[in-house]
Amino acid sequence: MNKKLSIVVPCYNESKNLDRLVSAFRDAIGKRADIELILVDNGSKDDTPSVMNELLARPENAFARSVCVEVNQGYGYGILYGLKAGRGEFLAWTHADLQTPPEDVIRALDCIQRMPDPQRSLVRGHRKGRPFFDQFFTSAMGWVASAALGGSYFDVNAQPKVFHHSLMNHLDDAPYDFTLDLYLLYVAEKLDLDIQLVNVRFDLRTEGESKGGGTLAGKYRLCKRTFSQIWKLRQALKTAPPQLAPQATTTDESYEKRSAA
């Protein structure tokens, strides 16, 4: 590890948004050499690979690099693939739509570094400025998840998420879809990590299409998957100890075997 922070951004068919995305992160990171941006080409079917390669070949974008998922296996898979490539003491992920400004990722890093025990901490975004219906939907999902799992699971899909690299040791069974955010917070709760919220600005997407709950159909799919994941985690509570036991460090071999399953 030779970086303070690795920021993972999954990109699926984001060719129209990449120039703005890289430029925004370049402005936010500034001259800091201890932060890297990892763009994940998550099995895109548009011009994302060629646009990404062209942008990352520019000297001013040396702070960023890319990894490629040949065939899309889900939002969560792309993030996990990028996290595995991270060289940072701390890891983070956020979305490619710039609805959470890159500056908020840097603020989240500053926040976790000020916490009493950064290695046993997690910082996550708390969105401000969202439309009323989106807030209502998110709150309802939060109440259901919190009641079922016995923790605080509000605004689960808010970005960014920032945590110490060692937490990867506990994500071997993480889901490959949009419920990865819920799973991460569930693991953090079971490990009794110090979880801190940071208010983040929520902007409208200007390019490309939402891949998650941006539409009514998307909200339905997200809701269905989330309830399924809540049920799995609730069942696990009946057999798992109150605190998750340490696991072996995630290896490329175990990850690839699970990917092929």
C-alpha atoms as a PDB file:
ATOM      1  CA  MET A   1       0.000   0.000   0.000  1.00  0.00           C
ATOM      2  CA  ASN A   2       1.515   3.303  -1.083  1.00  0.00           C
ATOM      3  CA  LYS A   3      -1.586   5.513  -1.029  1.00  0.00           C
ATOM      4  CA  LYS A   4      -3.698   7.026   1.704  1.00  0.00           C
ATOM      5  CA  LEU A   5      -6.978   6.555  -0.195  1.00  0.00           C
ATOM      6  CA  SER A   6      -8.197   4.553  -3.172  1.00  0.00           C
ATOM      7  CA  ILE A   7     -11.498   5.810  -4.621  1.00  0.00           C
ATOM      8  CA  VAL A   8     -13.381   3.220  -6.685  1.00  0.00           C
ATOM      9  CA  VAL A   9     -15.972   4.356  -9.236  1.00  0.00           C
ATOM     10  CA  PRO A  10     -17.896   1.681 -11.179  1.00  0.00           C
ATOM     11  CA  CYS A  11     -18.641   2.795 -14.741  1.00  0.00           C
ATOM     12  CA  TYR A  12     -21.235   0.980 -16.835  1.00  0.00           C
ATOM     13  CA  ASN A  13     -22.026   2.714 -20.131  1.00  0.00           C
ATOM     14  CA  GLU A  14     -20.750   6.061 -18.838  1.00  0.00           C
ATOM     15  CA  SER A  15     -18.935   7.265 -21.972  1.00  0.00           C
ATOM     16  CA  LYS A  16     -20.829  10.593 -22.025  1.00  0.00           C
ATOM     17  CA  ASN A  17     -20.044  11.283 -18.371  1.00  0.00           C
ATOM     18  CA  LEU A  18     -16.380  10.237 -18.122  1.00  0.00           C
ATOM     19  CA  ASP A  19     -14.759  13.509 -19.167  1.00  0.00           C
ATOM     20  CA  ARG A  20     -16.702  15.466 -16.532  1.00  0.00           C
ATOM     21  CA  LEU A  21     -16.104  12.725 -13.975  1.00  0.00           C
ATOM     22  CA  VAL A  22     -12.318  12.631 -14.343  1.00  0.00           C
ATOM     23  CA  SER A  23     -12.113  16.425 -14.483  1.00  0.00           C
ATOM     24  CA  ALA A  24     -14.169  16.783 -11.291  1.00  0.00           C
ATOM     25  CA  PHE A  25     -11.977  14.317  -9.411  1.00  0.00           C
ATOM     26  CA  ARG A  26      -8.841  16.006 -10.733  1.00  0.00           C
ATOM     27  CA  ASP A  27     -10.032  19.311  -9.285  1.00  0.00           C
ATOM     28  CA  ALA A  28     -11.026  17.698  -5.963  1.00  0.00           C
ATOM     29  CA  ILE A  29      -7.784  15.749  -5.484  1.00  0.00           C
ATOM     30  CA  GLY A  30      -5.594  18.643  -6.596  1.00  0.00           C
ATOM     31  CA  LYS A  31      -1.887  18.079  -6.060  1.00  0.00           C
ATOM     32  CA  ARG A  32      -2.288  15.290  -3.513  1.00  0.00           C
ATOM     33  CA  ALA A  33      -0.176  12.312  -4.543  1.00  0.00           C
ATOM     34  CA  ASP A  34      -1.559  10.043  -1.831  1.00  0.00           C
ATOM     35  CA  ILE A  35      -5.013   9.598  -3.414  1.00  0.00           C
ATOM     36  CA  GLU A  36      -5.768   7.433  -6.436  1.00  0.00           C
ATOM     37  CA  LEU A  37      -8.917   7.121  -8.519  1.00  0.00           C
ATOM     38  CA  ILE A  38      -9.779   3.654  -9.821  1.00  0.00           C
ATOM     39  CA  LEU A  39     -12.296   3.637 -12.672  1.00  0.00           C
ATOM     40  CA  VAL A  40     -13.926   0.255 -13.208  1.00  0.00           C
ATOM     41  CA  ASP A  41     -15.115  -0.451 -16.727  1.00  0.00           C
ATOM     42  CA  ASN A  42     -17.913  -2.696 -15.503  1.00  0.00           C
ATOM     43  CA  GLY A  43     -18.561  -4.626 -18.715  1.00  0.00           C
ATOM     44  CA  SER A  44     -19.738  -1.567 -20.653  1.00  0.00           C
ATOM     45  CA  LYS A  45     -21.347  -1.985 -24.066  1.00  0.00           C
ATOM     46  CA  ASP A  46     -20.876   1.590 -25.281  1.00  0.00           C
ATOM     47  CA  ASP A  47     -17.701   3.594 -25.917  1.00  0.00           C
ATOM     48  CA  THR A  48     -16.684   3.646 -22.246  1.00  0.00           C
ATOM     49  CA  PRO A  49     -13.474   1.570 -22.737  1.00  0.00           C
ATOM     50  CA  SER A  50     -12.066   3.748 -25.527  1.00  0.00           C
ATOM     51  CA  VAL A  51     -13.055   7.028 -23.876  1.00  0.00           C
ATOM     52  CA  MET A  52     -11.582   5.846 -20.575  1.00  0.00           C
ATOM     53  CA  ASN A  53      -8.303   4.830 -22.208  1.00  0.00           C
ATOM     54  CA  GLU A  54      -8.022   8.165 -24.007  1.00  0.00           C
ATOM     55  CA  LEU A  55      -8.638  10.170 -20.834  1.00  0.00           C
ATOM     56  CA  LEU A  56      -6.247   8.164 -18.677  1.00  0.00           C
ATOM     57  CA  ALA A  57      -3.465   8.512 -21.253  1.00  0.00           C
ATOM     58  CA  ARG A  58      -3.317  12.251 -20.570  1.00  0.00           C
ATOM     59  CA  PRO A  59      -0.486  13.331 -18.212  1.00  0.00           C
ATOM     60  CA  GLU A  60      -2.804  15.490 -16.110  1.00  0.00           C
ATOM     61  CA  ASN A  61      -4.844  12.381 -15.249  1.00  0.00           C
ATOM     62  CA  ALA A  62      -1.961  10.347 -13.844  1.00  0.00           C
ATOM     63  CA  PHE A  63      -3.799  10.199 -10.494  1.00  0.00           C
ATOM     64  CA  ALA A  64      -6.314   7.786 -12.078  1.00  0.00           C
ATOM     65  CA  ARG A  65      -6.105   4.266 -13.452  1.00  0.00           C
ATOM     66  CA  SER A  66      -8.586   1.677 -14.623  1.00  0.00           C
ATOM     67  CA  VAL A  67      -9.486  -1.986 -14.242  1.00  0.00           C
ATOM     68  CA  CYS A  68     -11.786  -3.891 -16.566  1.00  0.00           C
ATOM     69  CA  VAL A  69     -14.589  -6.358 -15.921  1.00  0.00           C
ATOM     70  CA  GLU A  70     -15.078  -8.156 -19.228  1.00  0.00           C
ATOM     71  CA  VAL A  71     -18.715  -9.155 -18.639  1.00  0.00           C
ATOM     72  CA  ASN A  72     -20.977  -7.179 -16.336  1.00  0.00           C
ATOM     73  CA  GLN A  73     -21.908  -9.206 -13.245  1.00  0.00           C
ATOM     74  CA  GLY A  74     -23.555  -6.435 -11.261  1.00  0.00           C
ATOM     75  CA  TYR A  75     -22.927  -3.101  -9.575  1.00  0.00           C
ATOM     76  CA  GLY A  76     -21.513  -4.752  -6.454  1.00  0.00           C
ATOM     77  CA  TYR A  77     -19.185  -7.001  -8.422  1.00  0.00           C
ATOM     78  CA  GLY A  78     -17.671  -4.005 -10.194  1.00  0.00           C
ATOM     79  CA  ILE A  79     -17.059  -2.208  -6.908  1.00  0.00           C
ATOM     80  CA  LEU A  80     -15.514  -5.265  -5.252  1.00  0.00           C
ATOM     81  CA  TYR A  81     -13.305  -5.787  -8.302  1.00  0.00           C
ATOM     82  CA  GLY A  82     -12.058  -2.222  -8.014  1.00  0.00           C
ATOM     83  CA  LEU A  83     -11.593  -2.392  -4.232  1.00  0.00           C
ATOM     84  CA  LYS A  84      -9.374  -5.450  -4.635  1.00  0.00           C
ATOM     85  CA  ALA A  85      -7.086  -3.381  -6.856  1.00  0.00           C
ATOM     86  CA  GLY A  86      -6.864  -0.526  -4.347  1.00  0.00           C
ATOM     87  CA  ARG A  87      -3.456   0.393  -2.902  1.00  0.00           C
ATOM     88  CA  GLY A  88      -4.777   2.751  -0.272  1.00  0.00           C
ATOM     89  CA  GLU A  89      -4.709   2.476   3.497  1.00  0.00           C
ATOM     90  CA  PHE A  90      -8.345   3.532   3.206  1.00  0.00           C
ATOM     91  CA  LEU A  91     -10.827   2.531   0.521  1.00  0.00           C
ATOM     92  CA  ALA A  92     -13.882   4.346  -0.783  1.00  0.00           C
ATOM     93  CA  TRP A  93     -16.506   4.024  -3.435  1.00  0.00           C
ATOM     94  CA  THR A  94     -18.919   6.444  -5.007  1.00  0.00           C
ATOM     95  CA  HIS A  95     -21.003   6.692  -8.177  1.00  0.00           C
ATOM     96  CA  ALA A  96     -20.024   7.837 -11.659  1.00  0.00           C
ATOM     97  CA  ASP A  97     -23.078  10.077 -12.019  1.00  0.00           C
ATOM     98  CA  LEU A  98     -21.511  12.921  -9.981  1.00  0.00           C
ATOM     99  CA  GLN A  99     -24.669  13.213  -7.908  1.00  0.00           C
ATOM    100  CA  THR A 100     -22.277  13.059  -4.946  1.00  0.00           C
ATOM    101  CA  PRO A 101     -19.508  15.617  -5.620  1.00  0.00           C
ATOM    102  CA  PRO A 102     -15.920  14.276  -5.449  1.00  0.00           C
ATOM    103  CA  GLU A 103     -15.110  16.910  -2.813  1.00  0.00           C
ATOM    104  CA  ASP A 104     -17.372  15.027  -0.408  1.00  0.00           C
ATOM    105  CA  VAL A 105     -15.208  11.910  -0.756  1.00  0.00           C
ATOM    106  CA  ILE A 106     -12.176  13.912   0.351  1.00  0.00           C
ATOM    107  CA  ARG A 107     -14.167  15.350   3.265  1.00  0.00           C
ATOM    108  CA  ALA A 108     -15.123  11.809   4.272  1.00  0.00           C
ATOM    109  CA  LEU A 109     -11.438  10.814   4.289  1.00  0.00           C
ATOM    110  CA  ASP A 110     -10.608  13.783   6.524  1.00  0.00           C
ATOM    111  CA  CYS A 111     -13.466  12.759   8.815  1.00  0.00           C
ATOM    112  CA  ILE A 112     -12.353   9.149   9.260  1.00  0.00           C
ATOM    113  CA  GLN A 113      -8.765  10.213   9.919  1.00  0.00           C
ATOM    114  CA  ARG A 114      -9.962  12.432  12.795  1.00  0.00           C
ATOM    115  CA  MET A 115     -11.904   9.618  14.442  1.00  0.00           C
ATOM    116  CA  PRO A 116     -10.455   7.992  17.625  1.00  0.00           C
ATOM    117  CA  ASP A 117      -9.704   4.664  15.905  1.00  0.00           C
ATOM    118  CA  PRO A 118      -9.730   5.071  12.100  1.00  0.00           C
ATOM    119  CA  GLN A 119      -8.985   1.377  11.540  1.00  0.00           C
ATOM    120  CA  ARG A 120     -12.242   0.452  13.254  1.00  0.00           C
ATOM    121  CA  SER A 121     -14.361   3.184  11.703  1.00  0.00           C
ATOM    122  CA  LEU A 122     -16.557   3.767   8.679  1.00  0.00           C
ATOM    123  CA  VAL A 123     -17.759   7.061   7.232  1.00  0.00           C
ATOM    124  CA  ARG A 124     -20.776   7.201   4.958  1.00  0.00           C
ATOM    125  CA  GLY A 125     -22.705   9.920   3.209  1.00  0.00           C
ATOM    126  CA  HIS A 126     -26.065  11.315   4.249  1.00  0.00           C
ATOM    127  CA  ARG A 127     -27.774  12.922   1.262  1.00  0.00           C
ATOM    128  CA  LYS A 128     -29.230  16.412   1.348  1.00  0.00           C
ATOM    129  CA  GLY A 129     -31.414  18.135  -1.249  1.00  0.00           C
ATOM    130  CA  ARG A 130     -33.222  15.072  -2.605  1.00  0.00           C
ATOM    131  CA  PRO A 131     -36.778  15.186  -4.016  1.00  0.00           C
ATOM    132  CA  PHE A 132     -39.515  14.460  -1.462  1.00  0.00           C
ATOM    133  CA  PHE A 133     -40.630  11.152  -3.025  1.00  0.00           C
ATOM    134  CA  ASP A 134     -37.054   9.828  -3.078  1.00  0.00           C
ATOM    135  CA  GLN A 135     -36.608  10.813   0.572  1.00  0.00           C
ATOM    136  CA  PHE A 136     -39.888   9.102   1.505  1.00  0.00           C
ATOM    137  CA  PHE A 137     -38.929   5.900  -0.346  1.00  0.00           C
ATOM    138  CA  THR A 138     -35.479   5.823   1.256  1.00  0.00           C
ATOM    139  CA  SER A 139     -36.862   6.466   4.747  1.00  0.00           C
ATOM    140  CA  ALA A 140     -39.427   3.680   4.404  1.00  0.00           C
ATOM    141  CA  MET A 141     -36.735   1.235   3.300  1.00  0.00           C
ATOM    142  CA  GLY A 142     -34.568   2.377   6.194  1.00  0.00           C
ATOM    143  CA  TRP A 143     -37.276   1.692   8.782  1.00  0.00           C
ATOM    144  CA  VAL A 144     -37.847  -1.797   7.396  1.00  0.00           C
ATOM    145  CA  ALA A 145     -34.137  -2.664   7.309  1.00  0.00           C
ATOM    146  CA  SER A 146     -33.475  -1.214  10.770  1.00  0.00           C
ATOM    147  CA  ALA A 147     -36.405  -3.080  12.332  1.00  0.00           C
ATOM    148  CA  ALA A 148     -35.445  -6.377  10.677  1.00  0.00           C
ATOM    149  CA  LEU A 149     -31.701  -6.247  11.346  1.00  0.00           C
ATOM    150  CA  GLY A 150     -31.579  -4.380  14.634  1.00  0.00           C
ATOM    151  CA  GLY A 151     -29.295  -1.540  13.600  1.00  0.00           C
ATOM    152  CA  SER A 152     -29.427   1.835  11.875  1.00  0.00           C
ATOM    153  CA  TYR A 153     -29.856   1.394   8.136  1.00  0.00           C
ATOM    154  CA  PHE A 154     -31.123   4.738   6.852  1.00  0.00           C
ATOM    155  CA  ASP A 155     -30.040   6.209   3.502  1.00  0.00           C
ATOM    156  CA  VAL A 156     -28.099   3.013   2.881  1.00  0.00           C
ATOM    157  CA  ASN A 157     -27.266   3.798  -0.746  1.00  0.00           C
ATOM    158  CA  ALA A 158     -25.865   7.265  -0.027  1.00  0.00           C
ATOM    159  CA  GLN A 159     -22.277   7.760  -1.131  1.00  0.00           C
ATOM    160  CA  PRO A 160     -19.461   7.842  -0.423  1.00  0.00           C
ATOM    161  CA  LYS A 161     -18.456   4.915   1.775  1.00  0.00           C
ATOM    162  CA  VAL A 162     -14.952   5.222   3.316  1.00  0.00           C
ATOM    163  CA  PHE A 163     -13.316   2.556   5.485  1.00  0.00           C
ATOM    164  CA  HIS A 164      -9.978   0.994   6.394  1.00  0.00           C
ATOM    165  CA  HIS A 165      -8.519  -1.507   3.929  1.00  0.00           C
ATOM    166  CA  SER A 166      -8.651  -4.288   6.550  1.00  0.00           C
ATOM    167  CA  LEU A 167     -12.462  -4.401   6.313  1.00  0.00           C
ATOM    168  CA  MET A 168     -12.013  -6.216   2.999  1.00  0.00           C
ATOM    169  CA  ASN A 169     -11.152  -9.289   5.090  1.00  0.00           C
ATOM    170  CA  HIS A 170     -14.848  -9.531   6.011  1.00  0.00           C
ATOM    171  CA  LEU A 171     -16.433  -9.078   2.571  1.00  0.00           C
ATOM    172  CA  ASP A 172     -15.885 -12.522   1.064  1.00  0.00           C
ATOM    173  CA  ASP A 173     -19.635 -13.167   0.942  1.00  0.00           C
ATOM    174  CA  ALA A 174     -20.653  -9.700  -0.223  1.00  0.00           C
ATOM    175  CA  PRO A 175     -23.435  -9.603  -2.844  1.00  0.00           C
ATOM    176  CA  TYR A 176     -22.735  -8.586  -6.417  1.00  0.00           C
ATOM    177  CA  ASP A 177     -25.757  -6.301  -6.892  1.00  0.00           C
ATOM    178  CA  PHE A 178     -27.038  -3.001  -5.466  1.00  0.00           C
ATOM    179  CA  THR A 179     -27.432  -4.515  -1.986  1.00  0.00           C
ATOM    180  CA  LEU A 180     -23.666  -4.322  -1.492  1.00  0.00           C
ATOM    181  CA  ASP A 181     -24.185  -1.031   0.381  1.00  0.00           C
ATOM    182  CA  LEU A 182     -26.569  -2.690   2.832  1.00  0.00           C
ATOM    183  CA  TYR A 183     -24.234  -5.644   3.304  1.00  0.00           C
ATOM    184  CA  LEU A 184     -21.257  -3.391   4.067  1.00  0.00           C
ATOM    185  CA  LEU A 185     -23.210  -1.513   6.748  1.00  0.00           C
ATOM    186  CA  TYR A 186     -24.487  -4.799   8.177  1.00  0.00           C
ATOM    187  CA  VAL A 187     -20.921  -6.105   8.505  1.00  0.00           C
ATOM    188  CA  ALA A 188     -19.785  -2.811  10.039  1.00  0.00           C
ATOM    189  CA  GLU A 189     -22.601  -3.013  12.615  1.00  0.00           C
ATOM    190  CA  LYS A 190     -21.738  -6.617  13.523  1.00  0.00           C
ATOM    191  CA  LEU A 191     -18.066  -5.703  13.901  1.00  0.00           C
ATOM    192  CA  ASP A 192     -19.128  -2.781  16.125  1.00  0.00           C
ATOM    193  CA  LEU A 193     -17.293  -0.257  13.989  1.00  0.00           C
ATOM    194  CA  ASP A 194     -17.625   3.433  14.786  1.00  0.00           C
ATOM    195  CA  ILE A 195     -19.935   4.677  12.003  1.00  0.00           C
ATOM    196  CA  GLN A 196     -20.005   8.390  11.247  1.00  0.00           C
ATOM    197  CA  LEU A 197     -22.390  10.217   8.902  1.00  0.00           C
ATOM    198  CA  VAL A 198     -21.288  13.177   6.789  1.00  0.00           C
ATOM    199  CA  ASN A 199     -23.804  15.392   5.026  1.00  0.00           C
ATOM    200  CA  VAL A 200     -23.309  15.346   1.264  1.00  0.00           C
ATOM    201  CA  ARG A 201     -24.863  17.427  -1.477  1.00  0.00           C
ATOM    202  CA  PHE A 202     -27.077  15.490  -3.870  1.00  0.00           C
ATOM    203  CA  ASP A 203     -27.052  16.798  -7.435  1.00  0.00           C
ATOM    204  CA  LEU A 204     -29.035  15.767 -10.507  1.00  0.00           C
ATOM    205  CA  ARG A 205     -27.457  13.466 -13.077  1.00  0.00           C
ATOM    206  CA  THR A 206     -26.691  15.438 -16.253  1.00  0.00           C
ATOM    207  CA  GLU A 207     -25.436  12.684 -18.575  1.00  0.00           C
ATOM    208  CA  GLY A 208     -26.241   8.992 -19.068  1.00  0.00           C
ATOM    209  CA  GLU A 209     -28.930   6.917 -17.408  1.00  0.00           C
ATOM    210  CA  SER A 210     -29.433   5.888 -13.796  1.00  0.00           C
ATOM    211  CA  LYS A 211     -28.459   2.254 -13.132  1.00  0.00           C
ATOM    212  CA  GLY A 212     -30.222   1.961  -9.772  1.00  0.00           C
ATOM    213  CA  GLY A 213     -33.369   3.440  -8.264  1.00  0.00           C
ATOM    214  CA  GLY A 214     -33.676   6.555 -10.381  1.00  0.00           C
ATOM    215  CA  THR A 215     -36.995   5.463 -11.934  1.00  0.00           C
ATOM    216  CA  LEU A 216     -40.136   3.798 -10.557  1.00  0.00           C
ATOM    217  CA  ALA A 217     -39.123   0.527 -12.226  1.00  0.00           C
ATOM    218  CA  GLY A 218     -35.631   0.891 -10.811  1.00  0.00           C
ATOM    219  CA  LYS A 219     -37.027   1.546  -7.331  1.00  0.00           C
ATOM    220  CA  TYR A 220     -39.176  -1.576  -7.582  1.00  0.00           C
ATOM    221  CA  ARG A 221     -36.181  -3.722  -8.577  1.00  0.00           C
ATOM    222  CA  LEU A 222     -34.021  -2.180  -5.863  1.00  0.00           C
ATOM    223  CA  CYS A 223     -36.762  -2.707  -3.280  1.00  0.00           C
ATOM    224  CA  LYS A 224     -37.192  -6.353  -4.296  1.00  0.00           C
ATOM    225  CA  ARG A 225     -33.471  -7.096  -4.125  1.00  0.00           C
ATOM    226  CA  THR A 226     -33.082  -5.228  -0.835  1.00  0.00           C
ATOM    227  CA  PHE A 227     -35.904  -7.151   0.856  1.00  0.00           C
ATOM    228  CA  SER A 228     -34.312 -10.401  -0.330  1.00  0.00           C
ATOM    229  CA  GLN A 229     -30.949  -9.354   1.122  1.00  0.00           C
ATOM    230  CA  ILE A 230     -32.584  -8.241   4.397  1.00  0.00           C
ATOM    231  CA  TRP A 231     -34.183 -11.671   4.701  1.00  0.00           C
ATOM    232  CA  LYS A 232     -30.838 -13.427   4.138  1.00  0.00           C
ATOM    233  CA  LEU A 233     -29.093 -11.266   6.707  1.00  0.00           C
ATOM    234  CA  ARG A 234     -31.926 -11.708   9.208  1.00  0.00           C
ATOM    235  CA  GLN A 235     -31.665 -15.483   8.826  1.00  0.00           C
ATOM    236  CA  ALA A 236     -27.902 -15.227   9.372  1.00  0.00           C
ATOM    237  CA  LEU A 237     -28.510 -13.426  12.676  1.00  0.00           C
ATOM    238  CA  LYS A 238     -30.101 -16.597  14.039  1.00  0.00           C
ATOM    239  CA  THR A 239     -26.912 -18.620  13.619  1.00  0.00           C
ATOM    240  CA  ALA A 240     -24.057 -16.078  13.573  1.00  0.00           C
ATOM    241  CA  PRO A 241     -22.335 -14.914  16.795  1.00  0.00           C
ATOM    242  CA  PRO A 242     -23.016 -11.356  17.981  1.00  0.00           C
ATOM    243  CA  GLN A 243     -19.727 -10.225  16.456  1.00  0.00           C
ATOM    244  CA  LEU A 244     -18.319 -11.560  13.212  1.00  0.00           C
ATOM    245  CA  ALA A 245     -15.146 -13.565  13.634  1.00  0.00           C
ATOM    246  CA  PRO A 246     -12.061 -12.401  11.704  1.00  0.00           C
ATOM    247  CA  GLN A 247     -11.691 -14.027   8.317  1.00  0.00           C
ATOM    248  CA  ALA A 248      -8.656 -14.752   6.211  1.00  0.00           C
ATOM    249  CA  THR A 249      -7.601 -11.999   3.850  1.00  0.00           C
ATOM    250  CA  THR A 250      -9.576 -12.074   0.620  1.00  0.00           C
ATOM    251  CA  THR A 251      -7.480 -13.680  -2.104  1.00  0.00           C
ATOM    252  CA  ASP A 252      -7.673 -13.482  -5.869  1.00  0.00           C
ATOM    253  CA  GLU A 253      -8.215 -17.265  -5.965  1.00  0.00           C
ATOM    254  CA  SER A 254     -11.256 -17.255  -3.657  1.00  0.00           C
ATOM    255  CA  TYR A 255     -12.740 -14.272  -5.496  1.00  0.00           C
ATOM    256  CA  GLU A 256     -12.340 -15.837  -8.916  1.00  0.00           C
ATOM    257  CA  LYS A 257     -13.812 -19.171  -7.719  1.00  0.00           C
ATOM    258  CA  ARG A 258     -16.890 -17.399  -6.394  1.00  0.00           C
ATOM    259  CA  SER A 259     -17.205 -15.344  -9.596  1.00  0.00           C
ATOM    260  CA  ALA A 260     -17.330 -18.538 -11.620  1.00  0.00           C
ATOM    261  CA  ALA A 261     -19.923 -20.195  -9.363  1.00  0.00           C
END
